[in-house]
Amino acid sequence: MTILNRPTKPNPWLTCFTPHPTATLRLFCFPYAGGGAPVFREWSALLPNAEIIALQYPGRGARMMEPPMQSLPELAAGIYEAILPHLNKPFAFFGHSLGSLVAFEVARLLRKNGHPLPRHLFVSARKAPHVPRTAEKQMHKLPEQEFIEELKTYNGTPKEILENKDLMELVLPVLRADFRVNETYEYGEEPALHIPLTALTGIEDSRATEADMTKWSLHTSDVFTQQTFPGDHFYLNPLQKELTAFLAKQLNL
């Protein structure tokens, strides 16, 4: 296989807050619905032996003027193309909530096209991809006020944003599009990935319980591990130090 060289031109999909060219491993981080690369801003300091590359989906941050994507295949394809030049050293994937699903599908795209696979896939706070969502509310179809009220139950959007009408006008289209990506996803049957897979969740997360996360075991033919942390669906925000310490141990960093 041809060795891929590191590009010199920045790619809008990828954010590296602290470049680390001598790192032994790159960790690609996939944010949750409505989130962006800044979710992982502190991780470079917490994982000094890894180079952290955070994904920046369209419609937020420096990409605010771009329309958000409306389907998971479209989103995964864009990320797949963006990361190809960065696979010239060992790497791993971490995804939270929607990001878990995106990371999983990008890994399958890499396999399909004969590229290196992640050394480890970490999926967090999202039910396994083969589990139907039929009994769950379709948030992306809700009227605006009902959508906002339902959003509050996730405990992931700061109160100052939820109560600011102007800010909500900016973020609502992105949030609705991200929920659409998640809720319209259709799982396609493929062989399990032959890479280690670890499923993580908050012990108080009712949307992705410990039992739900166990079902990810069907998607690896390698080692499957599971870990819970104190907290709810967004446990990763207050527990960055504990989470990254766990990742470092799993990756031998």
Protein backbone atom coordinates (compact mmCIF):
# COMPACT_ATOMS: atom_id res chain seq x y z
CA MET A 1 0.00 0.00 0.00
CA THR A 2 1.18 3.52 -0.79
CA ILE A 3 2.36 5.49 2.24
CA LEU A 4 0.19 8.57 2.65
CA ASN A 5 2.03 11.83 3.21
CA ARG A 6 0.90 14.50 5.63
CA PRO A 7 -0.66 17.43 3.73
CA THR A 8 0.60 20.96 4.18
CA LYS A 9 -2.78 22.64 3.47
CA PRO A 10 -5.19 22.69 6.45
CA ASN A 11 -8.34 20.66 5.98
CA PRO A 12 -11.57 22.22 7.35
CA TRP A 13 -12.73 18.82 8.59
CA LEU A 14 -9.77 18.43 10.92
CA THR A 15 -8.64 20.49 13.91
CA CYS A 16 -5.37 19.85 15.70
CA PHE A 17 -5.07 22.34 18.57
CA THR A 18 -1.57 21.13 19.49
CA PRO A 19 0.36 19.54 16.60
CA HIS A 20 2.58 16.70 17.81
CA PRO A 21 4.52 15.30 14.83
CA THR A 22 6.59 12.95 17.01
CA ALA A 23 3.57 11.37 18.70
CA THR A 24 3.40 7.60 18.43
CA LEU A 25 -0.35 7.63 17.77
CA ARG A 26 -3.09 9.90 16.42
CA LEU A 27 -6.45 9.93 18.11
CA PHE A 28 -9.31 11.09 15.89
CA CYS A 29 -12.18 12.46 18.00
CA PHE A 30 -15.76 12.55 16.69
CA PRO A 31 -18.10 14.97 18.53
CA TYR A 32 -21.72 14.52 19.53
CA ALA A 33 -24.78 16.15 17.90
CA GLY A 34 -24.39 19.92 17.98
CA GLY A 35 -20.79 19.62 19.13
CA GLY A 36 -17.60 20.55 17.37
CA ALA A 37 -13.84 20.25 17.58
CA PRO A 38 -13.57 22.46 20.74
CA VAL A 39 -15.15 19.62 22.76
CA PHE A 40 -11.68 18.04 22.64
CA ARG A 41 -9.57 21.18 23.05
CA GLU A 42 -8.04 20.08 26.38
CA TRP A 43 -7.25 16.52 25.36
CA SER A 44 -3.80 17.28 23.94
CA ALA A 45 -2.58 18.27 27.41
CA LEU A 46 -4.28 15.25 28.98
CA LEU A 47 -2.85 12.81 26.41
CA PRO A 48 0.66 14.21 25.80
CA ASN A 49 1.85 11.09 23.98
CA ALA A 50 -0.88 11.28 21.32
CA GLU A 51 -1.70 13.77 18.61
CA ILE A 52 -5.36 14.74 18.99
CA ILE A 53 -7.21 15.45 15.77
CA ALA A 54 -10.77 16.62 16.39
CA LEU A 55 -13.38 16.43 13.67
CA GLN A 56 -15.21 19.61 12.73
CA TYR A 57 -18.49 18.91 10.98
CA PRO A 58 -19.96 21.53 8.59
CA GLY A 59 -22.25 24.21 10.02
CA ARG A 60 -20.27 25.14 13.15
CA GLY A 61 -17.14 27.02 14.18
CA ALA A 62 -15.05 28.11 11.22
CA ARG A 63 -17.46 26.14 9.00
CA MET A 64 -20.56 28.02 10.20
CA MET A 65 -21.41 29.28 6.72
CA GLU A 66 -21.52 25.75 5.31
CA PRO A 67 -24.84 23.91 5.44
CA PRO A 68 -24.86 21.03 7.95
CA MET A 69 -25.01 17.57 6.45
CA GLN A 70 -28.30 15.72 6.47
CA SER A 71 -27.29 12.05 6.27
CA LEU A 72 -24.75 9.81 7.92
CA PRO A 73 -23.35 8.34 4.67
CA GLU A 74 -22.63 11.89 3.43
CA LEU A 75 -20.96 12.85 6.71
CA ALA A 76 -18.89 9.66 6.93
CA ALA A 77 -17.74 10.01 3.32
CA GLY A 78 -16.50 13.56 3.92
CA ILE A 79 -14.54 12.52 6.99
CA TYR A 80 -13.14 9.44 5.25
CA GLU A 81 -11.65 11.59 2.48
CA ALA A 82 -10.29 14.12 4.99
CA ILE A 83 -8.40 11.64 7.16
CA LEU A 84 -6.78 9.55 4.41
CA PRO A 85 -3.60 11.68 4.30
CA HIS A 86 -3.18 11.22 8.08
CA LEU A 87 -3.01 7.44 8.25
CA ASN A 88 0.77 7.19 8.00
CA LYS A 89 1.15 6.23 11.67
CA PRO A 90 -0.93 4.22 14.16
CA PHE A 91 -4.26 5.84 14.98
CA ALA A 92 -7.42 5.28 16.99
CA PHE A 93 -11.01 6.57 16.91
CA PHE A 94 -13.07 7.99 19.79
CA GLY A 95 -16.69 8.97 19.21
CA HIS A 96 -19.33 10.24 21.61
CA SER A 97 -23.07 9.76 20.99
CA LEU A 98 -23.60 10.62 17.29
CA GLY A 99 -19.82 10.60 16.96
CA SER A 100 -19.75 6.89 17.88
CA LEU A 101 -21.90 6.05 14.90
CA VAL A 102 -19.87 8.26 12.58
CA ALA A 103 -16.57 6.77 13.77
CA PHE A 104 -17.95 3.25 13.27
CA GLU A 105 -19.04 3.96 9.70
CA VAL A 106 -15.75 5.68 8.82
CA ALA A 107 -13.89 2.61 10.09
CA ARG A 108 -16.05 0.44 7.83
CA LEU A 109 -15.30 2.73 4.87
CA LEU A 110 -11.57 2.38 5.54
CA ARG A 111 -11.90 -1.40 5.54
CA LYS A 112 -14.03 -1.43 2.40
CA ASN A 113 -11.39 0.53 0.49
CA GLY A 114 -8.35 -1.36 1.76
CA HIS A 115 -6.89 1.30 4.08
CA PRO A 116 -5.38 0.82 7.55
CA LEU A 117 -7.90 0.42 10.36
CA PRO A 118 -7.86 2.14 13.75
CA ARG A 119 -5.76 0.42 16.39
CA HIS A 120 -8.78 0.81 18.68
CA LEU A 121 -12.38 2.02 18.32
CA PHE A 122 -13.91 3.73 21.36
CA VAL A 123 -17.68 4.26 21.20
CA SER A 124 -19.39 6.30 23.86
CA ALA A 125 -23.02 6.97 24.86
CA ARG A 126 -24.73 5.61 21.74
CA LYS A 127 -26.68 2.40 21.29
CA ALA A 128 -25.15 -0.18 18.95
CA PRO A 129 -25.80 0.57 15.27
CA HIS A 130 -27.92 -2.55 14.62
CA VAL A 131 -30.41 -1.69 17.38
CA PRO A 132 -33.64 -0.19 15.88
CA ARG A 133 -34.80 3.24 17.04
CA THR A 134 -38.51 2.63 16.30
CA ALA A 135 -39.71 3.26 19.86
CA GLU A 136 -37.80 6.51 20.26
CA LYS A 137 -38.99 10.04 19.56
CA GLN A 138 -37.89 11.51 16.21
CA MET A 139 -36.43 14.77 17.51
CA HIS A 140 -35.55 16.22 14.12
CA LYS A 141 -39.27 16.29 13.21
CA LEU A 142 -40.46 18.11 16.35
CA PRO A 143 -41.80 21.70 16.25
CA GLU A 144 -39.26 24.24 17.45
CA GLN A 145 -40.44 24.73 21.05
CA GLU A 146 -40.97 21.02 21.59
CA PHE A 147 -37.54 20.37 20.11
CA ILE A 148 -35.97 22.85 22.55
CA GLU A 149 -37.80 21.32 25.54
CA GLU A 150 -36.65 17.84 24.55
CA LEU A 151 -33.11 19.16 24.07
CA LYS A 152 -33.07 20.34 27.68
CA THR A 153 -33.49 16.75 28.87
CA TYR A 154 -30.13 15.81 27.36
CA ASN A 155 -28.31 18.18 29.73
CA GLY A 156 -25.72 18.94 27.03
CA THR A 157 -26.60 22.46 25.84
CA PRO A 158 -25.55 25.28 28.22
CA LYS A 159 -28.45 27.10 29.86
CA GLU A 160 -27.16 30.47 28.58
CA ILE A 161 -27.55 29.23 25.01
CA LEU A 162 -30.97 27.65 25.58
CA GLU A 163 -32.25 30.94 27.02
CA ASN A 164 -30.72 33.16 24.33
CA LYS A 165 -33.08 33.48 21.36
CA ASP A 166 -30.43 34.83 18.97
CA LEU A 167 -27.95 32.06 19.79
CA MET A 168 -30.64 29.41 19.48
CA GLU A 169 -31.51 30.68 16.00
CA LEU A 170 -27.90 29.97 15.03
CA VAL A 171 -27.56 26.54 16.60
CA LEU A 172 -31.03 25.06 16.01
CA PRO A 173 -30.50 24.23 12.31
CA VAL A 174 -27.24 22.46 13.14
CA LEU A 175 -28.75 20.54 16.05
CA ARG A 176 -31.80 19.53 14.04
CA ALA A 177 -29.61 18.37 11.14
CA ASP A 178 -27.37 16.34 13.48
CA PHE A 179 -30.39 14.65 15.04
CA ARG A 180 -31.66 13.91 11.55
CA VAL A 181 -28.31 12.28 10.68
CA ASN A 182 -28.60 10.09 13.78
CA GLU A 183 -32.29 9.26 13.53
CA THR A 184 -32.39 8.44 9.80
CA TYR A 185 -29.35 6.15 9.95
CA GLU A 186 -29.94 2.74 8.38
CA TYR A 187 -27.63 -0.03 9.47
CA GLY A 188 -26.19 -2.23 6.73
CA GLU A 189 -25.08 -5.76 7.57
CA GLU A 190 -21.31 -6.29 7.26
CA PRO A 191 -18.77 -8.56 8.98
CA ALA A 192 -17.61 -7.41 12.39
CA LEU A 193 -14.51 -5.20 12.48
CA HIS A 194 -11.37 -7.08 13.46
CA ILE A 195 -10.11 -4.41 15.84
CA PRO A 196 -10.40 -3.92 19.62
CA LEU A 197 -13.63 -2.10 20.52
CA THR A 198 -14.43 -0.44 23.84
CA ALA A 199 -17.92 0.80 24.76
CA LEU A 200 -18.22 3.61 27.31
CA THR A 201 -21.17 5.25 28.99
CA GLY A 202 -22.31 7.26 32.00
CA ILE A 203 -23.92 5.14 34.70
CA GLU A 204 -26.93 7.52 34.80
CA ASP A 205 -27.38 7.67 31.01
CA SER A 206 -30.91 6.42 30.24
CA ARG A 207 -30.38 6.82 26.48
CA ALA A 208 -27.38 4.50 26.31
CA THR A 209 -27.41 2.21 29.31
CA GLU A 210 -24.70 -0.26 30.25
CA ALA A 211 -26.90 -3.03 28.81
CA ASP A 212 -27.33 -1.07 25.58
CA MET A 213 -23.59 -0.59 25.20
CA THR A 214 -22.93 -4.32 25.67
CA LYS A 215 -24.55 -4.91 22.27
CA TRP A 216 -21.59 -3.23 20.59
CA SER A 217 -19.76 -6.51 21.22
CA LEU A 218 -21.35 -7.88 18.04
CA HIS A 219 -19.34 -5.40 15.97
CA THR A 220 -15.86 -6.65 16.74
CA SER A 221 -14.23 -10.02 16.15
CA ASP A 222 -11.35 -8.85 18.35
CA VAL A 223 -11.30 -7.88 22.03
CA PHE A 224 -14.43 -6.17 23.39
CA THR A 225 -14.29 -4.20 26.64
CA GLN A 226 -16.77 -2.02 28.47
CA GLN A 227 -16.46 0.80 30.97
CA THR A 228 -18.89 3.01 32.87
CA PHE A 229 -18.24 6.41 34.40
CA PRO A 230 -20.17 8.48 36.95
CA GLY A 231 -22.61 10.83 35.28
CA ASP A 232 -25.23 11.11 32.56
CA HIS A 233 -25.19 11.27 28.74
CA PHE A 234 -22.54 13.98 28.80
CA TYR A 235 -20.28 12.47 31.45
CA LEU A 236 -17.27 13.19 29.20
CA ASN A 237 -17.42 16.96 29.78
CA PRO A 238 -16.83 17.00 33.58
CA LEU A 239 -14.73 13.81 33.53
CA GLN A 240 -12.21 14.62 30.82
CA LYS A 241 -9.26 13.77 33.07
CA GLU A 242 -10.67 10.40 34.10
CA LEU A 243 -11.79 9.51 30.58
CA THR A 244 -8.49 10.38 28.91
CA ALA A 245 -6.60 8.46 31.62
CA PHE A 246 -8.67 5.41 30.75
CA LEU A 247 -8.01 5.90 27.01
CA ALA A 248 -4.28 6.24 27.66
CA LYS A 249 -4.26 2.97 29.55
CA GLN A 250 -6.17 1.16 26.80
CA LEU A 251 -3.83 2.54 24.14
CA ASN A 252 -0.64 1.94 26.14
CA LEU A 253 0.29 5.63 25.95
